[in-house]
Amino acid sequence: MLVSKIEIPEAKLFRRGKVRDVFDLGENLLLVSTDRLSAFDYVLPSLIPCKGTVLNSLALFWFNRFSREFPNHVVTGDVDLYPAPFRDHKDLLRGRSVLVRKLKPLPFEIIVRGYISGSGWNSYRENGTISGISVPPGMTESEAFPQPLFTPTTKADEGHDEPTTYEALVEAIGAKRASRIRETALELYRQARVYAEGKGIILADTKFEMAFDGDEPILVDEIFTPDSSRFWKRDGYKAGRGQESLDKQYVRNYLLSSSWDRKSPPPPLPDSVVKETSRIYQSIFQTLTGSDPGC
């Protein structure tokens, strides 16, 4: 079943994002991952089969794996435990939704880069730095950094997120909280990278969202999904070129090769691209979790 948007007449829609529809339950929120796909700040008109289930279920897998050391906002992903009226919509919500605590995310995307790629590679070629951080000279595309980089961006409600610096993060939220976020993000990335490598996957970079409960950083939204991370196959990896993408980059690459100008509403994706994107999302889920997404 393809899901473009979630409508539950008895419930209050809090926000309809690019990918998720969010319902307000008072102290909690219900996040529902649709099969929408966004790229270059547009929601594409084509739906991707199984995408919402993969995003939701993979994020829950990681949240559960790291929950003891890295607190998160999850209350439950079990639809049988949802309050009314959501229990009456189990078939729609099962596998693609999660009940979470209502927290206020920081207005920053928390990005950790283990390899030089994407916008980081573009910035490095232009000025030798990434988010104000000096990078060793002579690096090639897709090469691993000596140490992962913490490179936050602003979080825009509309338009592009913009690169910022750790110093700007300190100025915005204070040195203590900024330090906690950086330490948490780098260690979480390190642990996930080790796990992924054991599955034959390189976790090249990733982004998080965080909130605070007092002075404790709390992971929110999603972690280590093909929408928020760059995954490569370890077999066949070679620095000095782009890598085979096991994430949303596959669609970005297609769009960059198309005639779309990225300034007007995008056209539908070809059926072959839709099918391959769905296959990629399901494949990375199966590789990382050892199970089927069930869609």
Foldseek 3Di string as FASTA:
>chain_A
DAFPDDDDPVFAFPDDALFWTWTDPDQKIKTFGGQWDDDLQATAPDGFPPQLLLQVVVQVVLCVVCCVPAPAFFDDLDLCPDDPPSVVVCVRRRSRMTMGGDFDWDQKKWKKFQFQEDVNVVVCVVPCAAQPHHADPPFAHGHGGPAIDTWMWGHDSGHDTGTHHLVVVCVVPNDLLSVLSVVVVRVSVVVVQVLVVVLQKGFGMFIWIWGDDDSHIHTYDGTDALNTTWIAGNVPDDTRDDGDTLHCVLVVVVVVVDPDPSPDRDHHDPPVSSNVNNVSRQVVSCSNPVDGSPD
